[in-house]
Amino acid sequence: MKRSDDRILVTHVGSIPRPAALRDLLVRQDAGETVDAGEFERQAETAVRHVVERQLAAGVDVGNDGEQPRAGFSTYVARRMRGFGGESRRPLARDLIEHPDFAEMLAFRRRSAARIANAPQAVAEIEYADLGEATREMASSLIRTLFHILLETKFPGSRCDHLRPRRAFFLTATRA
């Protein structure tokens, strides 16, 4: 685990805005459409590389992929787990009630976005159904991209193509 006795380490959580092409693929995928897997991986890899490089340039100590390959935390779990269905019906946030003009503007901006307020709700016991997507994500070039950016940053000019992606990811995570 990375730690410091001299300063507070910088990190972040949550989504970082995605490029339009990737956002379109994610919205279509979230709506149940089939998207081209190769194009999706290319777009996601490019987006992950960009956000990781930006985090490194900004001095973020503990970075992440910015949720680039996922529509959002509250929706993608329903593809990996059983027990979700329908749509949640959350009450409107107080600021949206008190400022209907803001609510209208936000609704307009989100008209072609992935689901946020109407994410799937828990309707039964939650259990993992299919770890295939998570396994593919871990073995994908996204992890190699993250690993190589970290490697290039810490050890310019070095290469580590012989490591398996999953092993490389965990080696990097444990050495951070």
N, C-alpha and C. Protein backbone atom coordinates (compact mmCIF):
# COMPACT_ATOMS: atom_id res chain seq x y z
N MET A 1 0.84 -1.17 0.00
CA MET A 1 0.00 0.00 0.00
C MET A 1 0.89 1.24 0.00
N LYS A 2 0.53 2.18 -0.83
CA LYS A 2 1.29 3.42 -0.88
C LYS A 2 0.89 4.30 0.30
N ARG A 3 1.88 4.90 0.96
CA ARG A 3 1.59 5.76 2.09
C ARG A 3 2.63 6.87 2.17
N SER A 4 2.31 7.86 2.93
CA SER A 4 3.25 8.97 3.11
C SER A 4 3.13 9.51 4.52
N ASP A 5 4.27 9.79 5.13
CA ASP A 5 4.29 10.44 6.43
C ASP A 5 4.46 11.95 6.29
N ASP A 6 4.73 12.41 5.04
CA ASP A 6 5.02 13.81 4.81
C ASP A 6 3.84 14.62 4.29
N ARG A 7 2.89 13.95 3.65
CA ARG A 7 1.77 14.68 3.05
C ARG A 7 0.58 13.75 2.85
N ILE A 8 -0.55 14.33 2.57
CA ILE A 8 -1.74 13.55 2.27
C ILE A 8 -1.65 13.12 0.81
N LEU A 9 -1.78 11.83 0.56
CA LEU A 9 -1.74 11.33 -0.81
C LEU A 9 -3.00 11.74 -1.55
N VAL A 10 -2.87 12.01 -2.84
CA VAL A 10 -3.98 12.47 -3.66
C VAL A 10 -4.55 11.30 -4.46
N THR A 11 -5.87 11.17 -4.44
CA THR A 11 -6.57 10.19 -5.25
C THR A 11 -7.92 10.77 -5.64
N HIS A 12 -8.74 9.99 -6.28
CA HIS A 12 -10.10 10.42 -6.61
C HIS A 12 -10.94 9.16 -6.77
N VAL A 13 -12.23 9.36 -6.74
CA VAL A 13 -13.16 8.25 -6.99
C VAL A 13 -14.18 8.72 -8.01
N GLY A 14 -14.76 7.76 -8.69
CA GLY A 14 -15.84 8.09 -9.61
C GLY A 14 -15.41 8.21 -11.05
N SER A 15 -16.36 8.60 -11.84
CA SER A 15 -16.17 8.67 -13.28
C SER A 15 -15.47 9.96 -13.69
N ILE A 16 -14.65 9.83 -14.69
CA ILE A 16 -14.05 10.98 -15.37
C ILE A 16 -14.77 11.06 -16.71
N PRO A 17 -15.12 12.26 -17.17
CA PRO A 17 -15.86 12.36 -18.44
C PRO A 17 -15.20 11.55 -19.56
N ARG A 18 -16.04 10.90 -20.35
CA ARG A 18 -15.58 10.02 -21.42
C ARG A 18 -15.65 10.73 -22.77
N PRO A 19 -14.81 10.31 -23.71
CA PRO A 19 -14.92 10.85 -25.08
C PRO A 19 -16.28 10.49 -25.67
N ALA A 20 -16.76 11.31 -26.59
CA ALA A 20 -18.09 11.12 -27.16
C ALA A 20 -18.28 9.74 -27.79
N ALA A 21 -17.28 9.25 -28.53
CA ALA A 21 -17.42 7.94 -29.19
C ALA A 21 -17.60 6.82 -28.18
N LEU A 22 -16.82 6.84 -27.10
CA LEU A 22 -16.94 5.82 -26.06
C LEU A 22 -18.26 5.98 -25.31
N ARG A 23 -18.63 7.21 -25.00
CA ARG A 23 -19.90 7.46 -24.32
C ARG A 23 -21.06 6.90 -25.13
N ASP A 24 -21.04 7.08 -26.44
CA ASP A 24 -22.10 6.56 -27.30
C ASP A 24 -22.17 5.03 -27.23
N LEU A 25 -21.02 4.38 -27.29
CA LEU A 25 -20.98 2.91 -27.19
C LEU A 25 -21.52 2.45 -25.84
N LEU A 26 -21.15 3.12 -24.77
CA LEU A 26 -21.61 2.74 -23.44
C LEU A 26 -23.11 2.94 -23.28
N VAL A 27 -23.64 4.04 -23.80
CA VAL A 27 -25.09 4.30 -23.72
C VAL A 27 -25.84 3.23 -24.50
N ARG A 28 -25.36 2.91 -25.69
CA ARG A 28 -26.01 1.86 -26.49
C ARG A 28 -25.95 0.51 -25.78
N GLN A 29 -24.78 0.19 -25.21
CA GLN A 29 -24.63 -1.07 -24.47
C GLN A 29 -25.56 -1.09 -23.26
N ASP A 30 -25.67 0.01 -22.55
CA ASP A 30 -26.53 0.10 -21.38
C ASP A 30 -28.00 -0.06 -21.76
N ALA A 31 -28.34 0.35 -22.97
CA ALA A 31 -29.71 0.22 -23.45
C ALA A 31 -30.00 -1.18 -23.98
N GLY A 32 -28.99 -2.07 -23.95
CA GLY A 32 -29.20 -3.45 -24.38
C GLY A 32 -28.79 -3.74 -25.81
N GLU A 33 -28.26 -2.74 -26.50
CA GLU A 33 -27.81 -2.96 -27.87
C GLU A 33 -26.47 -3.71 -27.88
N THR A 34 -26.23 -4.44 -28.94
CA THR A 34 -24.93 -5.09 -29.13
C THR A 34 -24.00 -4.08 -29.78
N VAL A 35 -22.81 -3.94 -29.23
CA VAL A 35 -21.82 -3.03 -29.82
C VAL A 35 -20.62 -3.84 -30.28
N ASP A 36 -19.88 -3.32 -31.24
CA ASP A 36 -18.70 -3.98 -31.76
C ASP A 36 -17.64 -4.07 -30.66
N ALA A 37 -17.30 -5.29 -30.26
CA ALA A 37 -16.37 -5.51 -29.15
C ALA A 37 -14.99 -4.91 -29.43
N GLY A 38 -14.50 -5.06 -30.66
CA GLY A 38 -13.19 -4.52 -31.01
C GLY A 38 -13.17 -3.00 -30.94
N GLU A 39 -14.20 -2.37 -31.46
CA GLU A 39 -14.29 -0.91 -31.41
C GLU A 39 -14.40 -0.43 -29.96
N PHE A 40 -15.21 -1.15 -29.19
CA PHE A 40 -15.37 -0.79 -27.78
C PHE A 40 -14.02 -0.86 -27.06
N GLU A 41 -13.27 -1.93 -27.27
CA GLU A 41 -11.98 -2.06 -26.59
C GLU A 41 -11.00 -0.98 -27.04
N ARG A 42 -11.01 -0.66 -28.33
CA ARG A 42 -10.11 0.40 -28.82
C ARG A 42 -10.45 1.74 -28.18
N GLN A 43 -11.74 2.06 -28.15
CA GLN A 43 -12.16 3.34 -27.58
C GLN A 43 -11.87 3.39 -26.08
N ALA A 44 -12.14 2.29 -25.37
CA ALA A 44 -11.91 2.24 -23.93
C ALA A 44 -10.42 2.35 -23.62
N GLU A 45 -9.60 1.64 -24.38
CA GLU A 45 -8.15 1.67 -24.15
C GLU A 45 -7.60 3.09 -24.35
N THR A 46 -8.04 3.75 -25.41
CA THR A 46 -7.60 5.12 -25.67
C THR A 46 -8.02 6.04 -24.54
N ALA A 47 -9.26 5.89 -24.08
CA ALA A 47 -9.77 6.74 -23.01
C ALA A 47 -9.04 6.48 -21.69
N VAL A 48 -8.78 5.21 -21.39
CA VAL A 48 -8.06 4.88 -20.15
C VAL A 48 -6.65 5.46 -20.20
N ARG A 49 -5.98 5.28 -21.32
CA ARG A 49 -4.62 5.83 -21.45
C ARG A 49 -4.64 7.34 -21.20
N HIS A 50 -5.62 8.03 -21.78
CA HIS A 50 -5.71 9.48 -21.63
C HIS A 50 -5.93 9.87 -20.16
N VAL A 51 -6.89 9.24 -19.47
CA VAL A 51 -7.17 9.64 -18.09
C VAL A 51 -6.02 9.27 -17.15
N VAL A 52 -5.36 8.15 -17.40
CA VAL A 52 -4.23 7.78 -16.55
C VAL A 52 -3.08 8.77 -16.76
N GLU A 53 -2.79 9.12 -18.01
CA GLU A 53 -1.73 10.09 -18.27
C GLU A 53 -2.05 11.45 -17.64
N ARG A 54 -3.31 11.85 -17.71
CA ARG A 54 -3.70 13.13 -17.10
C ARG A 54 -3.56 13.10 -15.58
N GLN A 55 -3.91 11.95 -14.98
CA GLN A 55 -3.76 11.82 -13.52
C GLN A 55 -2.29 11.89 -13.12
N LEU A 56 -1.44 11.20 -13.88
CA LEU A 56 -0.01 11.24 -13.59
C LEU A 56 0.53 12.66 -13.73
N ALA A 57 0.12 13.35 -14.79
CA ALA A 57 0.58 14.72 -15.02
C ALA A 57 0.11 15.67 -13.92
N ALA A 58 -1.08 15.38 -13.36
CA ALA A 58 -1.62 16.22 -12.30
C ALA A 58 -1.05 15.89 -10.92
N GLY A 59 -0.28 14.80 -10.85
CA GLY A 59 0.32 14.42 -9.58
C GLY A 59 -0.55 13.54 -8.70
N VAL A 60 -1.57 12.91 -9.28
CA VAL A 60 -2.41 11.99 -8.52
C VAL A 60 -1.55 10.80 -8.10
N ASP A 61 -1.54 10.49 -6.82
CA ASP A 61 -0.70 9.40 -6.30
C ASP A 61 -1.31 8.03 -6.54
N VAL A 62 -2.60 7.91 -6.35
CA VAL A 62 -3.29 6.63 -6.49
C VAL A 62 -4.41 6.83 -7.51
N GLY A 63 -4.09 6.53 -8.76
CA GLY A 63 -5.04 6.76 -9.84
C GLY A 63 -5.87 5.54 -10.15
N ASN A 64 -6.74 5.70 -11.12
CA ASN A 64 -7.56 4.58 -11.59
C ASN A 64 -7.99 4.84 -13.03
N ASP A 65 -8.86 3.97 -13.54
CA ASP A 65 -9.27 4.08 -14.93
C ASP A 65 -10.41 5.08 -15.15
N GLY A 66 -10.85 5.75 -14.10
CA GLY A 66 -11.89 6.76 -14.24
C GLY A 66 -13.22 6.21 -14.70
N GLU A 67 -13.43 4.90 -14.52
CA GLU A 67 -14.67 4.22 -14.94
C GLU A 67 -14.89 4.32 -16.45
N GLN A 68 -13.82 4.52 -17.21
CA GLN A 68 -13.96 4.68 -18.66
C GLN A 68 -14.67 3.50 -19.34
N PRO A 69 -14.36 2.25 -19.01
CA PRO A 69 -15.01 1.15 -19.75
C PRO A 69 -16.39 0.77 -19.21
N ARG A 70 -16.96 1.57 -18.31
CA ARG A 70 -18.26 1.24 -17.74
C ARG A 70 -19.18 2.46 -17.82
N ALA A 71 -20.46 2.19 -18.06
CA ALA A 71 -21.44 3.28 -18.13
C ALA A 71 -21.55 4.00 -16.79
N GLY A 72 -21.46 3.27 -15.73
CA GLY A 72 -21.53 3.85 -14.40
C GLY A 72 -21.59 2.75 -13.35
N PHE A 73 -21.15 3.08 -12.15
CA PHE A 73 -21.09 2.09 -11.10
C PHE A 73 -22.45 1.49 -10.78
N SER A 74 -23.48 2.31 -10.78
CA SER A 74 -24.80 1.82 -10.36
C SER A 74 -25.52 1.00 -11.41
N THR A 75 -25.01 0.93 -12.61
CA THR A 75 -25.72 0.16 -13.65
C THR A 75 -24.98 -1.07 -14.14
N TYR A 76 -23.66 -1.03 -14.17
CA TYR A 76 -22.96 -2.16 -14.77
C TYR A 76 -23.02 -3.41 -13.91
N VAL A 77 -23.25 -3.27 -12.61
CA VAL A 77 -23.29 -4.45 -11.74
C VAL A 77 -24.44 -5.39 -12.12
N ALA A 78 -25.50 -4.86 -12.69
CA ALA A 78 -26.64 -5.70 -13.06
C ALA A 78 -26.29 -6.69 -14.16
N ARG A 79 -25.26 -6.42 -14.94
CA ARG A 79 -24.82 -7.38 -15.96
C ARG A 79 -23.95 -8.47 -15.35
N ARG A 80 -23.38 -8.22 -14.18
CA ARG A 80 -22.47 -9.17 -13.55
C ARG A 80 -23.10 -9.93 -12.39
N MET A 81 -24.23 -9.45 -11.91
CA MET A 81 -24.84 -10.04 -10.72
C MET A 81 -26.32 -10.33 -10.93
N ARG A 82 -26.80 -11.37 -10.27
CA ARG A 82 -28.23 -11.67 -10.26
C ARG A 82 -28.88 -10.92 -9.10
N GLY A 83 -30.16 -10.68 -9.23
CA GLY A 83 -30.91 -10.05 -8.15
C GLY A 83 -31.32 -8.62 -8.45
N PHE A 84 -30.98 -8.13 -9.62
CA PHE A 84 -31.37 -6.78 -10.02
C PHE A 84 -32.43 -6.85 -11.09
N GLY A 85 -33.30 -5.86 -11.12
CA GLY A 85 -34.32 -5.82 -12.16
C GLY A 85 -35.05 -4.49 -12.15
N GLY A 86 -35.79 -4.26 -13.21
CA GLY A 86 -36.58 -3.04 -13.29
C GLY A 86 -35.74 -1.79 -13.17
N GLU A 87 -36.35 -0.77 -12.62
CA GLU A 87 -35.67 0.50 -12.43
C GLU A 87 -35.94 0.99 -11.02
N SER A 88 -34.94 1.54 -10.41
CA SER A 88 -35.15 2.15 -9.09
C SER A 88 -35.90 3.46 -9.29
N ARG A 89 -36.66 3.80 -8.33
CA ARG A 89 -37.42 5.06 -8.38
C ARG A 89 -37.01 5.91 -7.19
N ARG A 90 -35.90 6.59 -7.36
CA ARG A 90 -35.40 7.43 -6.28
C ARG A 90 -36.18 8.74 -6.25
N PRO A 91 -36.40 9.26 -5.06
CA PRO A 91 -37.04 10.58 -5.01
C PRO A 91 -36.10 11.63 -5.59
N LEU A 92 -36.68 12.68 -6.14
CA LEU A 92 -35.86 13.76 -6.68
C LEU A 92 -35.02 14.39 -5.59
N ALA A 93 -33.81 14.75 -5.94
CA ALA A 93 -32.92 15.45 -5.02
C ALA A 93 -33.51 16.82 -4.70
N ARG A 94 -33.25 17.28 -3.51
CA ARG A 94 -33.82 18.54 -3.04
C ARG A 94 -33.46 19.71 -3.96
N ASP A 95 -32.21 19.75 -4.45
CA ASP A 95 -31.82 20.86 -5.32
C ASP A 95 -32.60 20.85 -6.63
N LEU A 96 -33.00 19.67 -7.10
CA LEU A 96 -33.79 19.59 -8.33
C LEU A 96 -35.22 20.05 -8.08
N ILE A 97 -35.74 19.78 -6.90
CA ILE A 97 -37.09 20.23 -6.54
C ILE A 97 -37.10 21.74 -6.37
N GLU A 98 -36.10 22.26 -5.68
CA GLU A 98 -36.05 23.70 -5.38
C GLU A 98 -35.63 24.55 -6.58
N HIS A 99 -35.01 23.91 -7.57
CA HIS A 99 -34.54 24.66 -8.75
C HIS A 99 -34.97 23.92 -10.01
N PRO A 100 -36.25 24.03 -10.38
CA PRO A 100 -36.75 23.28 -11.54
C PRO A 100 -36.05 23.65 -12.85
N ASP A 101 -35.52 24.88 -12.95
CA ASP A 101 -34.78 25.24 -14.15
C ASP A 101 -33.49 24.42 -14.27
N PHE A 102 -32.84 24.18 -13.13
CA PHE A 102 -31.65 23.33 -13.13
C PHE A 102 -32.04 21.90 -13.48
N ALA A 103 -33.15 21.41 -12.92
CA ALA A 103 -33.63 20.05 -13.22
C ALA A 103 -33.90 19.90 -14.71
N GLU A 104 -34.50 20.90 -15.32
CA GLU A 104 -34.80 20.87 -16.75
C GLU A 104 -33.51 20.84 -17.58
N MET A 105 -32.54 21.67 -17.20
CA MET A 105 -31.26 21.70 -17.91
C MET A 105 -30.54 20.36 -17.78
N LEU A 106 -30.56 19.78 -16.58
CA LEU A 106 -29.90 18.50 -16.35
C LEU A 106 -30.58 17.38 -17.15
N ALA A 107 -31.89 17.38 -17.16
CA ALA A 107 -32.63 16.38 -17.95
C ALA A 107 -32.28 16.50 -19.43
N PHE A 108 -32.15 17.73 -19.92
CA PHE A 108 -31.78 17.94 -21.32
C PHE A 108 -30.39 17.39 -21.60
N ARG A 109 -29.44 17.65 -20.71
CA ARG A 109 -28.07 17.17 -20.90
C ARG A 109 -27.97 15.65 -20.82
N ARG A 110 -28.83 15.05 -20.01
CA ARG A 110 -28.77 13.60 -19.81
C ARG A 110 -29.68 12.82 -20.76
N ARG A 111 -30.31 13.48 -21.70
CA ARG A 111 -31.29 12.81 -22.57
C ARG A 111 -30.71 11.63 -23.35
N SER A 112 -29.43 11.69 -23.64
CA SER A 112 -28.81 10.57 -24.37
C SER A 112 -27.67 9.97 -23.56
N ALA A 113 -27.81 9.99 -22.25
CA ALA A 113 -26.77 9.45 -21.37
C ALA A 113 -27.20 8.09 -20.83
N ALA A 114 -26.27 7.41 -20.23
CA ALA A 114 -26.58 6.14 -19.56
C ALA A 114 -27.49 6.42 -18.36
N ARG A 115 -28.14 5.38 -17.90
CA ARG A 115 -29.07 5.53 -16.78
C ARG A 115 -28.33 5.97 -15.52
N ILE A 116 -28.96 6.89 -14.80
CA ILE A 116 -28.38 7.35 -13.54
C ILE A 116 -29.44 7.22 -12.44
N ALA A 117 -30.48 8.02 -12.51
CA ALA A 117 -31.51 8.01 -11.47
C ALA A 117 -32.40 6.78 -11.55
N ASN A 118 -32.42 6.12 -12.68
CA ASN A 118 -33.29 4.95 -12.85
C ASN A 118 -32.47 3.67 -13.01
N ALA A 119 -31.42 3.56 -12.24
CA ALA A 119 -30.59 2.35 -12.28
C ALA A 119 -31.40 1.14 -11.82
N PRO A 120 -30.98 -0.07 -12.19
CA PRO A 120 -31.69 -1.26 -11.74
C PRO A 120 -31.72 -1.32 -10.21
N GLN A 121 -32.80 -1.86 -9.67
CA GLN A 121 -32.90 -1.99 -8.22
C GLN A 121 -32.75 -3.45 -7.80
N ALA A 122 -32.40 -3.65 -6.56
CA ALA A 122 -32.29 -5.00 -6.01
C ALA A 122 -33.71 -5.54 -5.81
N VAL A 123 -33.98 -6.69 -6.44
CA VAL A 123 -35.31 -7.30 -6.33
C VAL A 123 -35.25 -8.70 -5.73
N ALA A 124 -34.06 -9.21 -5.52
CA ALA A 124 -33.88 -10.54 -4.96
C ALA A 124 -32.51 -10.59 -4.31
N GLU A 125 -32.16 -11.76 -3.78
CA GLU A 125 -30.84 -11.92 -3.19
C GLU A 125 -29.78 -11.66 -4.26
N ILE A 126 -28.74 -10.92 -3.88
CA ILE A 126 -27.69 -10.54 -4.81
C ILE A 126 -26.61 -11.61 -4.81
N GLU A 127 -26.21 -12.04 -6.01
CA GLU A 127 -25.11 -13.00 -6.14
C GLU A 127 -24.46 -12.81 -7.50
N TYR A 128 -23.17 -13.18 -7.55
CA TYR A 128 -22.47 -13.09 -8.82
C TYR A 128 -23.04 -14.11 -9.78
N ALA A 129 -23.31 -13.66 -11.00
CA ALA A 129 -23.89 -14.53 -12.01
C ALA A 129 -22.86 -14.89 -13.07
N ASP A 130 -22.10 -13.90 -13.49
CA ASP A 130 -21.18 -14.09 -14.60
C ASP A 130 -20.00 -13.17 -14.41
N LEU A 131 -18.87 -13.74 -14.11
CA LEU A 131 -17.66 -12.94 -13.94
C LEU A 131 -16.89 -12.78 -15.24
N GLY A 132 -17.49 -13.24 -16.35
CA GLY A 132 -16.81 -13.16 -17.64
C GLY A 132 -16.39 -11.76 -18.01
N GLU A 133 -17.27 -10.79 -17.83
CA GLU A 133 -16.95 -9.41 -18.19
C GLU A 133 -15.81 -8.88 -17.33
N ALA A 134 -15.87 -9.15 -16.03
CA ALA A 134 -14.81 -8.69 -15.13
C ALA A 134 -13.49 -9.38 -15.47
N THR A 135 -13.55 -10.66 -15.78
CA THR A 135 -12.34 -11.41 -16.13
C THR A 135 -11.74 -10.86 -17.42
N ARG A 136 -12.60 -10.61 -18.41
CA ARG A 136 -12.12 -10.04 -19.68
C ARG A 136 -11.51 -8.66 -19.45
N GLU A 137 -12.13 -7.87 -18.59
CA GLU A 137 -11.60 -6.54 -18.31
C GLU A 137 -10.22 -6.62 -17.67
N MET A 138 -10.05 -7.55 -16.73
CA MET A 138 -8.76 -7.71 -16.07
C MET A 138 -7.69 -8.21 -17.04
N ALA A 139 -8.09 -9.05 -17.99
CA ALA A 139 -7.13 -9.63 -18.93
C ALA A 139 -6.95 -8.78 -20.17
N SER A 140 -7.72 -7.73 -20.28
CA SER A 140 -7.72 -6.94 -21.52
C SER A 140 -6.50 -6.05 -21.63
N SER A 141 -6.45 -5.39 -22.73
CA SER A 141 -5.36 -4.45 -22.97
C SER A 141 -5.49 -3.23 -22.06
N LEU A 142 -6.64 -3.02 -21.42
CA LEU A 142 -6.76 -1.89 -20.50
C LEU A 142 -5.76 -2.03 -19.36
N ILE A 143 -5.66 -3.23 -18.82
CA ILE A 143 -4.72 -3.46 -17.73
C ILE A 143 -3.29 -3.31 -18.23
N ARG A 144 -3.02 -3.84 -19.43
CA ARG A 144 -1.68 -3.67 -20.00
C ARG A 144 -1.38 -2.19 -20.19
N THR A 145 -2.39 -1.43 -20.63
CA THR A 145 -2.21 0.00 -20.83
C THR A 145 -1.86 0.68 -19.52
N LEU A 146 -2.63 0.41 -18.47
CA LEU A 146 -2.34 0.99 -17.17
C LEU A 146 -0.95 0.61 -16.69
N PHE A 147 -0.62 -0.67 -16.82
CA PHE A 147 0.67 -1.16 -16.35
C PHE A 147 1.81 -0.49 -17.11
N HIS A 148 1.70 -0.41 -18.43
CA HIS A 148 2.78 0.17 -19.22
C HIS A 148 2.95 1.67 -18.95
N ILE A 149 1.85 2.37 -18.72
CA ILE A 149 1.96 3.79 -18.38
C ILE A 149 2.69 3.94 -17.05
N LEU A 150 2.31 3.13 -16.07
CA LEU A 150 3.00 3.18 -14.78
C LEU A 150 4.47 2.83 -14.92
N LEU A 151 4.75 1.79 -15.70
CA LEU A 151 6.12 1.34 -15.90
C LEU A 151 6.94 2.42 -16.60
N GLU A 152 6.37 3.00 -17.67
CA GLU A 152 7.08 4.03 -18.42
C GLU A 152 7.33 5.26 -17.56
N THR A 153 6.40 5.55 -16.65
CA THR A 153 6.54 6.72 -15.78
C THR A 153 7.64 6.51 -14.75
N LYS A 154 7.64 5.33 -14.12
CA LYS A 154 8.63 5.07 -13.07
C LYS A 154 9.99 4.67 -13.64
N PHE A 155 9.99 3.95 -14.76
CA PHE A 155 11.23 3.44 -15.35
C PHE A 155 11.24 3.71 -16.85
N PRO A 156 11.48 4.94 -17.26
CA PRO A 156 11.44 5.28 -18.69
C PRO A 156 12.34 4.37 -19.52
N GLY A 157 11.80 3.92 -20.66
CA GLY A 157 12.56 3.08 -21.57
C GLY A 157 12.49 1.60 -21.27
N SER A 158 11.92 1.23 -20.15
CA SER A 158 11.84 -0.20 -19.81
C SER A 158 10.63 -0.83 -20.47
N ARG A 159 10.70 -2.16 -20.63
CA ARG A 159 9.60 -2.90 -21.22
C ARG A 159 9.35 -4.13 -20.37
N CYS A 160 8.10 -4.56 -20.38
CA CYS A 160 7.77 -5.72 -19.56
C CYS A 160 6.72 -6.56 -20.28
N ASP A 161 6.91 -6.77 -21.58
CA ASP A 161 5.93 -7.49 -22.37
C ASP A 161 5.80 -8.96 -22.00
N HIS A 162 6.79 -9.50 -21.31
CA HIS A 162 6.75 -10.93 -21.01
C HIS A 162 5.83 -11.27 -19.84
N LEU A 163 5.42 -10.28 -19.04
CA LEU A 163 4.52 -10.57 -17.93
C LEU A 163 3.09 -10.75 -18.43
N ARG A 164 2.39 -11.68 -17.84
CA ARG A 164 0.97 -11.83 -18.14
C ARG A 164 0.26 -10.60 -17.60
N PRO A 165 -0.79 -10.10 -18.28
CA PRO A 165 -1.45 -8.87 -17.85
C PRO A 165 -1.95 -8.92 -16.40
N ARG A 166 -2.59 -9.99 -15.99
CA ARG A 166 -3.12 -10.05 -14.63
C ARG A 166 -1.98 -9.99 -13.62
N ARG A 167 -0.92 -10.75 -13.87
CA ARG A 167 0.23 -10.75 -12.96
C ARG A 167 0.86 -9.36 -12.92
N ALA A 168 0.96 -8.72 -14.07
CA ALA A 168 1.53 -7.38 -14.13
C ALA A 168 0.69 -6.40 -13.31
N PHE A 169 -0.61 -6.51 -13.43
CA PHE A 169 -1.49 -5.61 -12.69
C PHE A 169 -1.28 -5.78 -11.18
N PHE A 170 -1.27 -7.00 -10.71
CA PHE A 170 -1.13 -7.22 -9.28
C PHE A 170 0.27 -6.88 -8.78
N LEU A 171 1.29 -7.12 -9.60
CA LEU A 171 2.64 -6.70 -9.22
C LEU A 171 2.69 -5.19 -9.05
N THR A 172 2.09 -4.48 -9.98
CA THR A 172 2.07 -3.03 -9.90
C THR A 172 1.31 -2.56 -8.68
N ALA A 173 0.14 -3.15 -8.44
CA ALA A 173 -0.69 -2.74 -7.32
C ALA A 173 0.00 -3.00 -5.99
N THR A 174 0.71 -4.09 -5.87
CA THR A 174 1.33 -4.41 -4.60
C THR A 174 2.61 -3.62 -4.36
N ARG A 175 3.21 -3.12 -5.40
CA ARG A 175 4.45 -2.34 -5.25
C ARG A 175 4.19 -0.86 -5.06
N ALA A 176 2.97 -0.43 -5.33
CA ALA A 176 2.65 1.01 -5.26
C ALA A 176 2.75 1.53 -3.84
